[in-house]
Amino acid sequence: MKSILFVCLGNICRSPIAEGIATKIAADYNLPLHIDSAGTSHWHIGEPPCDNAVKIALKHGIDISTLRARKVHPKDARRFDYIVAMDNDNRNELLSRGFENVYLIGDYGNFNGADVPDPYFFKDFEGFHKVFSMLDIAVKDFMKKENLWN
């Protein structure tokens, strides 16, 4: 079984949304995948995704409310086939910690390596729409290009 770990800074916005999108695809198409998410920081360990992340996911038929933030662990390098960073800062952090199988989600979906912006700091809900849309396109393209979904 292939496995994917989506990683952002706090694991309460972008990576849980990406996890939710990929998990829904896996469930809808009966794909044998293990999907998880984590953060490079310890700030939100044990917390659910932020309210706006939960709201935008639910708007698209995805329930991420039961997810809980965790910090990426060195053992994740061996546990996951794909470690997918939401931006270059987190990608570089993972590489500096010795992770080798790191992908940048912005390299997929014709985003030309763009960072997925952190909506936690946006002042309105519109930023979450933008992030969900970007992740929906990029996660689907990632899964197709990496032969995880036909």
N, C-alpha and C. Protein backbone atom coordinates (compact mmCIF):
# COMPACT_ATOMS: atom_id res chain seq x y z
N MET A 1 0.84 -1.18 0.00
CA MET A 1 0.00 0.00 0.00
C MET A 1 0.89 1.24 0.00
N LYS A 2 0.63 2.16 -0.92
CA LYS A 2 1.37 3.42 -0.98
C LYS A 2 0.85 4.35 0.10
N SER A 3 1.71 5.29 0.51
CA SER A 3 1.34 6.21 1.58
C SER A 3 1.80 7.62 1.27
N ILE A 4 0.97 8.58 1.69
CA ILE A 4 1.22 10.01 1.44
C ILE A 4 1.10 10.76 2.76
N LEU A 5 2.07 11.63 3.03
CA LEU A 5 2.01 12.53 4.17
C LEU A 5 2.05 13.96 3.65
N PHE A 6 1.00 14.73 3.91
CA PHE A 6 0.95 16.14 3.54
C PHE A 6 1.46 16.96 4.71
N VAL A 7 2.34 17.93 4.44
CA VAL A 7 2.99 18.67 5.52
C VAL A 7 2.90 20.18 5.28
N CYS A 8 2.47 20.90 6.33
CA CYS A 8 2.53 22.35 6.35
C CYS A 8 3.17 22.77 7.67
N LEU A 9 2.99 23.99 8.07
CA LEU A 9 3.64 24.48 9.28
C LEU A 9 2.96 23.97 10.55
N GLY A 10 1.67 24.25 10.72
CA GLY A 10 0.99 23.91 11.97
C GLY A 10 0.06 22.72 11.91
N ASN A 11 -0.23 22.23 10.70
CA ASN A 11 -1.11 21.08 10.50
C ASN A 11 -2.54 21.38 10.96
N ILE A 12 -2.99 22.63 10.74
CA ILE A 12 -4.38 22.96 11.06
C ILE A 12 -5.13 23.60 9.90
N CYS A 13 -4.46 23.83 8.76
CA CYS A 13 -5.14 24.44 7.61
C CYS A 13 -4.85 23.65 6.33
N ARG A 14 -3.71 23.94 5.73
CA ARG A 14 -3.40 23.41 4.40
C ARG A 14 -3.25 21.90 4.36
N SER A 15 -2.42 21.34 5.23
CA SER A 15 -2.19 19.89 5.13
C SER A 15 -3.43 19.07 5.50
N PRO A 16 -4.25 19.48 6.47
CA PRO A 16 -5.48 18.70 6.69
C PRO A 16 -6.45 18.80 5.51
N ILE A 17 -6.50 19.97 4.86
CA ILE A 17 -7.35 20.10 3.67
C ILE A 17 -6.85 19.16 2.59
N ALA A 18 -5.54 19.15 2.35
CA ALA A 18 -4.97 18.25 1.34
C ALA A 18 -5.23 16.79 1.70
N GLU A 19 -5.06 16.45 2.99
CA GLU A 19 -5.35 15.09 3.44
C GLU A 19 -6.81 14.74 3.16
N GLY A 20 -7.71 15.66 3.46
CA GLY A 20 -9.13 15.41 3.23
C GLY A 20 -9.46 15.19 1.77
N ILE A 21 -8.87 16.00 0.90
CA ILE A 21 -9.10 15.85 -0.55
C ILE A 21 -8.60 14.48 -1.01
N ALA A 22 -7.38 14.13 -0.65
CA ALA A 22 -6.80 12.86 -1.07
C ALA A 22 -7.57 11.67 -0.48
N THR A 23 -8.00 11.79 0.76
CA THR A 23 -8.75 10.71 1.41
C THR A 23 -10.10 10.50 0.72
N LYS A 24 -10.74 11.60 0.34
CA LYS A 24 -12.02 11.48 -0.38
C LYS A 24 -11.83 10.79 -1.72
N ILE A 25 -10.78 11.17 -2.44
CA ILE A 25 -10.50 10.52 -3.72
C ILE A 25 -10.25 9.03 -3.51
N ALA A 26 -9.43 8.70 -2.52
CA ALA A 26 -9.13 7.29 -2.23
C ALA A 26 -10.40 6.51 -1.89
N ALA A 27 -11.28 7.11 -1.11
CA ALA A 27 -12.53 6.44 -0.74
C ALA A 27 -13.46 6.30 -1.94
N ASP A 28 -13.59 7.38 -2.72
CA ASP A 28 -14.49 7.36 -3.88
C ASP A 28 -14.08 6.35 -4.93
N TYR A 29 -12.78 6.11 -5.06
CA TYR A 29 -12.27 5.22 -6.10
C TYR A 29 -11.67 3.93 -5.54
N ASN A 30 -11.91 3.69 -4.25
CA ASN A 30 -11.43 2.47 -3.60
C ASN A 30 -9.93 2.25 -3.83
N LEU A 31 -9.16 3.29 -3.60
CA LEU A 31 -7.71 3.23 -3.79
C LEU A 31 -7.04 2.78 -2.49
N PRO A 32 -6.13 1.83 -2.57
CA PRO A 32 -5.44 1.35 -1.36
C PRO A 32 -4.30 2.29 -0.96
N LEU A 33 -4.65 3.38 -0.30
CA LEU A 33 -3.67 4.39 0.10
C LEU A 33 -3.78 4.67 1.59
N HIS A 34 -2.64 4.93 2.21
CA HIS A 34 -2.61 5.43 3.58
C HIS A 34 -2.27 6.92 3.47
N ILE A 35 -3.13 7.77 4.01
CA ILE A 35 -2.99 9.22 3.86
C ILE A 35 -3.03 9.86 5.24
N ASP A 36 -2.10 10.80 5.46
CA ASP A 36 -2.01 11.47 6.76
C ASP A 36 -1.50 12.88 6.51
N SER A 37 -1.44 13.67 7.57
CA SER A 37 -0.85 15.01 7.49
C SER A 37 -0.15 15.32 8.80
N ALA A 38 0.76 16.30 8.72
CA ALA A 38 1.54 16.70 9.90
C ALA A 38 2.06 18.11 9.67
N GLY A 39 2.62 18.68 10.72
CA GLY A 39 3.21 20.01 10.64
C GLY A 39 4.68 19.96 11.02
N THR A 40 5.43 20.94 10.56
CA THR A 40 6.84 21.01 10.93
C THR A 40 7.02 21.64 12.31
N SER A 41 5.98 22.31 12.80
CA SER A 41 6.07 22.95 14.13
C SER A 41 5.27 22.14 15.15
N HIS A 42 5.43 22.53 16.39
CA HIS A 42 4.73 21.87 17.50
C HIS A 42 3.57 22.71 18.04
N TRP A 43 3.30 23.84 17.40
CA TRP A 43 2.38 24.82 17.96
C TRP A 43 0.96 24.33 18.19
N HIS A 44 0.47 23.43 17.38
CA HIS A 44 -0.95 23.05 17.46
C HIS A 44 -1.18 21.56 17.72
N ILE A 45 -0.19 20.87 18.23
CA ILE A 45 -0.31 19.43 18.44
C ILE A 45 -1.59 19.11 19.22
N GLY A 46 -2.36 18.16 18.69
CA GLY A 46 -3.60 17.72 19.32
C GLY A 46 -4.83 18.54 18.99
N GLU A 47 -4.64 19.67 18.32
CA GLU A 47 -5.78 20.53 17.99
C GLU A 47 -6.44 20.08 16.69
N PRO A 48 -7.75 20.35 16.57
CA PRO A 48 -8.43 20.07 15.30
C PRO A 48 -8.04 21.12 14.26
N PRO A 49 -8.35 20.89 12.99
CA PRO A 49 -8.12 21.93 11.99
C PRO A 49 -8.87 23.20 12.38
N CYS A 50 -8.38 24.34 11.94
CA CYS A 50 -9.03 25.61 12.27
C CYS A 50 -10.45 25.63 11.69
N ASP A 51 -11.29 26.45 12.28
CA ASP A 51 -12.71 26.48 11.91
C ASP A 51 -12.92 26.71 10.41
N ASN A 52 -12.17 27.64 9.83
CA ASN A 52 -12.37 27.93 8.41
C ASN A 52 -11.91 26.78 7.52
N ALA A 53 -10.89 26.04 7.92
CA ALA A 53 -10.48 24.87 7.15
C ALA A 53 -11.58 23.82 7.18
N VAL A 54 -12.18 23.61 8.34
CA VAL A 54 -13.29 22.66 8.47
C VAL A 54 -14.47 23.12 7.61
N LYS A 55 -14.78 24.40 7.66
CA LYS A 55 -15.93 24.94 6.91
C LYS A 55 -15.74 24.79 5.40
N ILE A 56 -14.55 25.14 4.90
CA ILE A 56 -14.34 25.07 3.44
C ILE A 56 -14.35 23.62 2.98
N ALA A 57 -13.78 22.72 3.77
CA ALA A 57 -13.80 21.31 3.39
C ALA A 57 -15.24 20.78 3.37
N LEU A 58 -16.01 21.10 4.40
CA LEU A 58 -17.41 20.65 4.45
C LEU A 58 -18.21 21.19 3.28
N LYS A 59 -17.91 22.40 2.87
CA LYS A 59 -18.59 23.00 1.72
C LYS A 59 -18.39 22.15 0.46
N HIS A 60 -17.29 21.37 0.45
CA HIS A 60 -16.98 20.50 -0.69
C HIS A 60 -17.21 19.02 -0.37
N GLY A 61 -17.99 18.77 0.68
CA GLY A 61 -18.36 17.41 1.02
C GLY A 61 -17.28 16.60 1.70
N ILE A 62 -16.33 17.27 2.34
CA ILE A 62 -15.21 16.59 3.01
C ILE A 62 -15.21 16.98 4.48
N ASP A 63 -15.25 15.99 5.36
CA ASP A 63 -15.24 16.26 6.79
C ASP A 63 -13.84 16.01 7.36
N ILE A 64 -13.16 17.09 7.75
CA ILE A 64 -11.83 16.97 8.36
C ILE A 64 -11.87 17.30 9.85
N SER A 65 -13.06 17.42 10.41
CA SER A 65 -13.21 17.88 11.79
C SER A 65 -12.62 16.92 12.82
N THR A 66 -12.48 15.66 12.48
CA THR A 66 -11.95 14.69 13.45
C THR A 66 -10.42 14.58 13.41
N LEU A 67 -9.79 15.23 12.43
CA LEU A 67 -8.33 15.19 12.35
C LEU A 67 -7.72 15.96 13.52
N ARG A 68 -6.54 15.59 13.90
CA ARG A 68 -5.82 16.29 14.97
C ARG A 68 -4.39 16.55 14.53
N ALA A 69 -3.92 17.75 14.83
CA ALA A 69 -2.58 18.17 14.41
C ALA A 69 -1.51 17.34 15.12
N ARG A 70 -0.47 17.06 14.38
CA ARG A 70 0.70 16.40 14.94
C ARG A 70 1.93 16.96 14.27
N LYS A 71 3.04 16.79 14.92
CA LYS A 71 4.32 17.23 14.36
C LYS A 71 4.93 16.08 13.57
N VAL A 72 5.53 16.43 12.44
CA VAL A 72 6.20 15.42 11.64
C VAL A 72 7.30 14.76 12.48
N HIS A 73 7.45 13.46 12.32
CA HIS A 73 8.40 12.68 13.12
C HIS A 73 9.47 12.11 12.19
N PRO A 74 10.71 11.99 12.66
CA PRO A 74 11.77 11.42 11.81
C PRO A 74 11.39 10.06 11.21
N LYS A 75 10.62 9.26 11.92
CA LYS A 75 10.21 7.95 11.40
C LYS A 75 9.28 8.08 10.19
N ASP A 76 8.66 9.26 10.02
CA ASP A 76 7.78 9.46 8.87
C ASP A 76 8.55 9.31 7.55
N ALA A 77 9.85 9.58 7.58
CA ALA A 77 10.66 9.44 6.37
C ALA A 77 10.62 8.01 5.84
N ARG A 78 10.51 7.05 6.76
CA ARG A 78 10.45 5.64 6.36
C ARG A 78 9.01 5.15 6.20
N ARG A 79 8.10 5.76 6.91
CA ARG A 79 6.70 5.31 6.90
C ARG A 79 5.94 5.72 5.64
N PHE A 80 6.38 6.80 5.01
CA PHE A 80 5.61 7.34 3.88
C PHE A 80 6.42 7.31 2.59
N ASP A 81 5.74 6.90 1.52
CA ASP A 81 6.36 6.89 0.19
C ASP A 81 6.49 8.30 -0.35
N TYR A 82 5.53 9.14 -0.04
CA TYR A 82 5.49 10.51 -0.54
C TYR A 82 5.28 11.46 0.64
N ILE A 83 6.16 12.41 0.78
CA ILE A 83 6.00 13.47 1.78
C ILE A 83 5.85 14.76 0.98
N VAL A 84 4.67 15.35 1.08
CA VAL A 84 4.28 16.44 0.20
C VAL A 84 4.17 17.74 0.99
N ALA A 85 5.09 18.65 0.73
CA ALA A 85 5.12 19.94 1.43
C ALA A 85 4.20 20.94 0.74
N MET A 86 3.60 21.80 1.56
CA MET A 86 2.68 22.81 1.04
C MET A 86 3.40 24.06 0.52
N ASP A 87 4.64 24.26 0.95
CA ASP A 87 5.39 25.43 0.47
C ASP A 87 6.89 25.14 0.56
N ASN A 88 7.67 26.03 -0.01
CA ASN A 88 9.12 25.83 -0.05
C ASN A 88 9.77 25.91 1.32
N ASP A 89 9.25 26.74 2.22
CA ASP A 89 9.82 26.80 3.58
C ASP A 89 9.70 25.45 4.27
N ASN A 90 8.53 24.84 4.20
CA ASN A 90 8.35 23.53 4.82
C ASN A 90 9.12 22.45 4.08
N ARG A 91 9.20 22.55 2.77
CA ARG A 91 10.01 21.61 1.99
C ARG A 91 11.47 21.68 2.43
N ASN A 92 12.00 22.89 2.52
CA ASN A 92 13.39 23.06 2.94
C ASN A 92 13.62 22.57 4.37
N GLU A 93 12.64 22.79 5.24
CA GLU A 93 12.75 22.31 6.62
C GLU A 93 12.81 20.79 6.64
N LEU A 94 11.97 20.15 5.86
CA LEU A 94 11.98 18.68 5.80
C LEU A 94 13.31 18.16 5.25
N LEU A 95 13.80 18.81 4.21
CA LEU A 95 15.09 18.39 3.64
C LEU A 95 16.22 18.58 4.64
N SER A 96 16.17 19.67 5.41
CA SER A 96 17.22 19.91 6.41
C SER A 96 17.18 18.88 7.54
N ARG A 97 16.04 18.24 7.73
CA ARG A 97 15.90 17.20 8.75
C ARG A 97 16.25 15.81 8.19
N GLY A 98 16.69 15.77 6.94
CA GLY A 98 17.13 14.51 6.36
C GLY A 98 16.10 13.74 5.56
N PHE A 99 14.91 14.32 5.38
CA PHE A 99 13.90 13.66 4.55
C PHE A 99 14.35 13.71 3.10
N GLU A 100 14.16 12.62 2.39
CA GLU A 100 14.59 12.56 0.99
C GLU A 100 13.44 12.48 0.00
N ASN A 101 12.35 11.90 0.37
CA ASN A 101 11.23 11.68 -0.54
C ASN A 101 10.22 12.83 -0.43
N VAL A 102 10.72 14.06 -0.57
CA VAL A 102 9.89 15.24 -0.38
C VAL A 102 9.47 15.83 -1.73
N TYR A 103 8.20 16.09 -1.85
CA TYR A 103 7.62 16.69 -3.05
C TYR A 103 7.01 18.03 -2.66
N LEU A 104 6.93 18.93 -3.62
CA LEU A 104 6.29 20.23 -3.41
C LEU A 104 4.96 20.22 -4.13
N ILE A 105 3.86 20.41 -3.42
CA ILE A 105 2.54 20.34 -4.04
C ILE A 105 2.39 21.38 -5.15
N GLY A 106 3.06 22.50 -5.03
CA GLY A 106 2.98 23.54 -6.05
C GLY A 106 3.63 23.17 -7.37
N ASP A 107 4.35 22.04 -7.40
CA ASP A 107 4.91 21.54 -8.67
C ASP A 107 3.86 20.81 -9.50
N TYR A 108 2.68 20.67 -8.97
CA TYR A 108 1.59 19.95 -9.65
C TYR A 108 0.46 20.92 -9.97
N GLY A 109 -0.37 20.54 -10.94
CA GLY A 109 -1.53 21.35 -11.28
C GLY A 109 -1.18 22.64 -12.00
N ASN A 110 -0.05 22.68 -12.67
CA ASN A 110 0.39 23.87 -13.42
C ASN A 110 0.56 25.11 -12.55
N PHE A 111 1.01 24.90 -11.31
CA PHE A 111 1.27 26.04 -10.41
C PHE A 111 2.74 26.45 -10.43
N ASN A 112 3.55 25.76 -11.24
CA ASN A 112 4.95 26.14 -11.47
C ASN A 112 5.75 26.35 -10.19
N GLY A 113 5.55 25.47 -9.23
CA GLY A 113 6.33 25.53 -8.00
C GLY A 113 5.88 26.57 -6.99
N ALA A 114 4.69 27.11 -7.19
CA ALA A 114 4.19 28.14 -6.27
C ALA A 114 3.89 27.55 -4.90
N ASP A 115 4.07 28.34 -3.88
CA ASP A 115 3.68 27.96 -2.53
C ASP A 115 2.17 28.02 -2.40
N VAL A 116 1.60 27.10 -1.64
CA VAL A 116 0.20 27.24 -1.24
C VAL A 116 0.22 28.21 -0.08
N PRO A 117 -0.44 29.36 -0.23
CA PRO A 117 -0.39 30.36 0.85
C PRO A 117 -1.04 29.84 2.13
N ASP A 118 -0.54 30.29 3.25
CA ASP A 118 -1.07 29.86 4.54
C ASP A 118 -2.31 30.69 4.85
N PRO A 119 -3.51 30.10 4.77
CA PRO A 119 -4.74 30.87 4.98
C PRO A 119 -4.99 31.23 6.44
N TYR A 120 -4.24 30.65 7.35
CA TYR A 120 -4.41 30.93 8.77
C TYR A 120 -4.25 32.43 9.05
N PHE A 121 -3.43 33.08 8.25
CA PHE A 121 -3.15 34.50 8.47
C PHE A 121 -4.03 35.42 7.63
N PHE A 122 -4.92 34.85 6.82
CA PHE A 122 -5.84 35.68 6.03
C PHE A 122 -6.89 36.27 6.94
N LYS A 123 -7.36 37.46 6.60
CA LYS A 123 -8.34 38.13 7.43
C LYS A 123 -9.78 37.74 7.09
N ASP A 124 -9.95 37.03 5.97
CA ASP A 124 -11.31 36.67 5.58
C ASP A 124 -11.35 35.23 5.06
N PHE A 125 -12.55 34.76 4.85
CA PHE A 125 -12.78 33.39 4.42
C PHE A 125 -12.36 33.15 2.98
N GLU A 126 -12.29 34.21 2.19
CA GLU A 126 -11.95 34.08 0.77
C GLU A 126 -10.61 33.39 0.56
N GLY A 127 -9.66 33.61 1.44
CA GLY A 127 -8.36 32.95 1.32
C GLY A 127 -8.48 31.44 1.39
N PHE A 128 -9.43 30.95 2.17
CA PHE A 128 -9.63 29.51 2.27
C PHE A 128 -10.22 28.94 0.99
N HIS A 129 -11.06 29.73 0.30
CA HIS A 129 -11.56 29.30 -1.01
C HIS A 129 -10.40 29.13 -1.98
N LYS A 130 -9.51 30.11 -1.99
CA LYS A 130 -8.35 30.06 -2.90
C LYS A 130 -7.47 28.85 -2.59
N VAL A 131 -7.19 28.64 -1.32
CA VAL A 131 -6.33 27.52 -0.91
C VAL A 131 -7.00 26.19 -1.24
N PHE A 132 -8.29 26.05 -0.96
CA PHE A 132 -8.97 24.79 -1.28
C PHE A 132 -8.92 24.53 -2.78
N SER A 133 -9.21 25.54 -3.57
CA SER A 133 -9.21 25.37 -5.02
C SER A 133 -7.83 24.96 -5.53
N MET A 134 -6.80 25.62 -5.04
CA MET A 134 -5.43 25.29 -5.45
C MET A 134 -5.08 23.85 -5.05
N LEU A 135 -5.41 23.49 -3.80
CA LEU A 135 -5.09 22.14 -3.34
C LEU A 135 -5.91 21.08 -4.07
N ASP A 136 -7.16 21.36 -4.37
CA ASP A 136 -7.99 20.41 -5.09
C ASP A 136 -7.36 20.07 -6.44
N ILE A 137 -6.93 21.07 -7.15
CA ILE A 137 -6.28 20.87 -8.46
C ILE A 137 -4.94 20.15 -8.29
N ALA A 138 -4.11 20.65 -7.38
CA ALA A 138 -2.75 20.11 -7.22
C ALA A 138 -2.74 18.69 -6.68
N VAL A 139 -3.59 18.39 -5.70
CA VAL A 139 -3.62 17.04 -5.12
C VAL A 139 -4.08 16.03 -6.18
N LYS A 140 -5.11 16.38 -6.94
CA LYS A 140 -5.57 15.48 -8.00
C LYS A 140 -4.47 15.24 -9.03
N ASP A 141 -3.79 16.30 -9.44
CA ASP A 141 -2.71 16.16 -10.41
C ASP A 141 -1.55 15.34 -9.84
N PHE A 142 -1.20 15.58 -8.58
CA PHE A 142 -0.15 14.81 -7.92
C PHE A 142 -0.49 13.32 -7.94
N MET A 143 -1.72 13.00 -7.54
CA MET A 143 -2.12 11.61 -7.45
C MET A 143 -2.12 10.94 -8.83
N LYS A 144 -2.50 11.69 -9.86
CA LYS A 144 -2.49 11.14 -11.22
C LYS A 144 -1.06 10.97 -11.73
N LYS A 145 -0.24 12.00 -11.60
CA LYS A 145 1.12 11.94 -12.13
C LYS A 145 2.00 10.93 -11.40
N GLU A 146 1.71 10.68 -10.13
CA GLU A 146 2.49 9.71 -9.37
C GLU A 146 1.84 8.31 -9.42
N ASN A 147 0.89 8.16 -10.34
CA ASN A 147 0.21 6.87 -10.58
C ASN A 147 -0.46 6.30 -9.34
N LEU A 148 -1.05 7.18 -8.55
CA LEU A 148 -1.80 6.76 -7.37
C LEU A 148 -3.29 6.71 -7.65
N TRP A 149 -3.69 7.31 -8.77
CA TRP A 149 -5.10 7.39 -9.17
C TRP A 149 -5.14 7.50 -10.68
N ASN A 150 -5.93 6.68 -11.30
CA ASN A 150 -6.01 6.71 -12.78
C ASN A 150 -7.13 7.59 -13.25
